[in-house]
Amino acid sequence: MTEPDTTRRMRLETDHGDRETATTLARAVQPDNTDEIDTRVDGSCVVTTVTRGTTGGLQSTVDDYVVNLQVAARVADSALDAAPNRERNHNTDIDGASTESTTTEPDRHSPTDTHE
């Protein structure tokens, strides 16, 4: 007789409005991923699957992940608010697919600007 599968699994999907933001957030939380956590980007969503052997372990890991994702989202929002002059450039996302990203555009009215 074989042992029943006692693995607990949870899939979390969070929509961040666009692929660029989802990619940024997925990259931010990936360093904390263990072998039991898989994070990927699907369109404008970050999709994370957590697999643990116990319900308590699953709850703890998911709680930690959600806090990390919230912090990453706040940091990303703050960074975008702090850099209002942005221009889009081509880049690749976490899955290697083509996407757009943003870079800061020079301030056209900086003190070093000699053109009036």
Protein backbone atom coordinates (compact mmCIF):
# COMPACT_ATOMS: atom_id res chain seq x y z
CA MET A 1 0.00 0.00 0.00
CA THR A 2 1.35 3.45 -0.90
CA GLU A 3 1.31 6.52 1.32
CA PRO A 4 -1.28 9.15 0.36
CA ASP A 5 0.06 12.43 -1.00
CA THR A 6 0.12 14.78 1.98
CA THR A 7 1.50 17.75 0.06
CA ARG A 8 -0.31 21.04 0.61
CA ARG A 9 -0.30 23.45 -2.30
CA MET A 10 -1.56 27.01 -2.77
CA ARG A 11 -1.60 29.09 -5.94
CA LEU A 12 -1.65 32.86 -5.50
CA GLU A 13 -2.40 35.12 -8.45
CA THR A 14 -2.18 38.89 -8.07
CA ASP A 15 -3.00 41.32 -10.88
CA HIS A 16 -0.76 44.39 -11.06
CA GLY A 17 -2.30 46.16 -14.04
CA ASP A 18 0.48 45.61 -16.57
CA ARG A 19 3.20 43.10 -17.44
CA GLU A 20 6.02 45.51 -16.60
CA THR A 21 4.86 45.97 -13.02
CA ALA A 22 4.20 42.24 -12.61
CA THR A 23 7.71 41.47 -13.89
CA THR A 24 9.30 43.98 -11.52
CA LEU A 25 7.46 42.51 -8.53
CA ALA A 26 8.18 38.90 -9.51
CA ARG A 27 11.88 39.75 -9.75
CA ALA A 28 11.73 41.44 -6.36
CA VAL A 29 10.29 38.41 -4.52
CA GLN A 30 12.24 35.68 -6.33
CA PRO A 31 15.38 35.88 -4.16
CA ASP A 32 13.26 34.65 -1.23
CA ASN A 33 11.91 31.68 -3.19
CA THR A 34 12.88 28.23 -2.01
CA ASP A 35 12.51 24.94 -3.88
CA GLU A 36 8.92 24.95 -2.55
CA ILE A 37 8.02 28.29 -4.18
CA ASP A 38 7.58 28.93 -7.91
CA THR A 39 6.95 32.50 -9.11
CA ARG A 40 6.22 33.47 -12.70
CA VAL A 41 4.57 36.23 -14.71
CA ASP A 42 1.38 35.65 -16.69
CA GLY A 43 0.36 38.86 -18.46
CA SER A 44 -0.21 41.49 -15.79
CA CYS A 45 -0.29 38.89 -13.01
CA VAL A 46 2.32 37.46 -10.68
CA VAL A 47 1.49 33.78 -10.20
CA THR A 48 3.13 31.98 -7.30
CA THR A 49 2.66 28.37 -6.27
CA VAL A 50 3.73 27.31 -2.78
CA THR A 51 4.06 23.62 -1.92
CA ARG A 52 4.63 22.44 1.66
CA GLY A 53 4.27 19.18 3.55
CA THR A 54 2.14 20.59 6.36
CA THR A 55 -0.74 23.02 6.62
CA GLY A 56 1.14 25.11 9.19
CA GLY A 57 4.21 25.26 6.96
CA LEU A 58 2.06 26.30 4.01
CA GLN A 59 0.38 29.04 6.03
CA SER A 60 3.70 30.38 7.31
CA THR A 61 5.30 30.42 3.86
CA VAL A 62 2.29 32.06 2.21
CA ASP A 63 2.12 34.70 4.97
CA ASP A 64 5.80 35.54 4.44
CA TYR A 65 5.35 35.67 0.66
CA VAL A 66 2.36 38.01 0.85
CA VAL A 67 4.25 40.41 3.12
CA ASN A 68 7.26 40.36 0.76
CA LEU A 69 5.01 41.04 -2.24
CA GLN A 70 3.29 43.94 -0.44
CA VAL A 71 6.64 45.51 0.43
CA ALA A 72 7.86 45.09 -3.16
CA ALA A 73 4.68 46.73 -4.48
CA ARG A 74 5.07 49.69 -2.13
CA VAL A 75 8.72 50.17 -3.10
CA ALA A 76 7.85 49.99 -6.81
CA ASP A 77 5.02 52.52 -6.36
CA SER A 78 7.34 54.86 -4.47
CA ALA A 79 10.01 54.58 -7.16
CA LEU A 80 7.51 55.41 -9.90
CA ASP A 81 6.16 58.37 -7.91
CA ALA A 82 9.70 59.68 -7.41
CA ALA A 83 10.55 59.57 -11.14
CA PRO A 84 7.73 61.31 -13.01
CA ASN A 85 9.68 61.79 -16.28
CA ARG A 86 9.82 58.27 -17.72
CA GLU A 87 10.23 56.94 -21.22
CA ARG A 88 9.53 53.37 -22.40
CA ASN A 89 12.32 51.08 -23.63
CA HIS A 90 12.28 47.50 -24.89
CA ASN A 91 13.36 44.79 -22.43
CA THR A 92 12.66 41.17 -21.50
CA ASP A 93 10.65 39.91 -18.57
CA ILE A 94 11.30 37.26 -15.95
CA ASP A 95 10.24 34.47 -18.35
CA GLY A 96 12.47 35.81 -21.14
CA ALA A 97 9.54 37.14 -23.17
CA SER A 98 9.69 40.52 -24.79
CA THR A 99 8.13 43.38 -22.82
CA GLU A 100 8.58 47.08 -22.22
CA SER A 101 10.30 48.72 -19.28
CA THR A 102 10.86 52.28 -18.21
CA THR A 103 13.93 54.39 -17.70
CA THR A 104 14.27 57.89 -16.36
CA GLU A 105 14.20 60.61 -18.98
CA PRO A 106 16.51 63.61 -18.45
CA ASP A 107 14.82 66.66 -16.99
CA ARG A 108 14.37 69.11 -19.87
CA HIS A 109 14.51 72.08 -17.48
CA SER A 110 17.60 71.22 -15.46
CA PRO A 111 19.97 73.99 -14.34
CA THR A 112 22.57 72.79 -16.87
CA ASP A 113 20.16 73.28 -19.77
CA THR A 114 21.44 76.23 -21.86
CA HIS A 115 18.54 76.27 -24.33
CA GLU A 116 15.58 78.51 -23.53
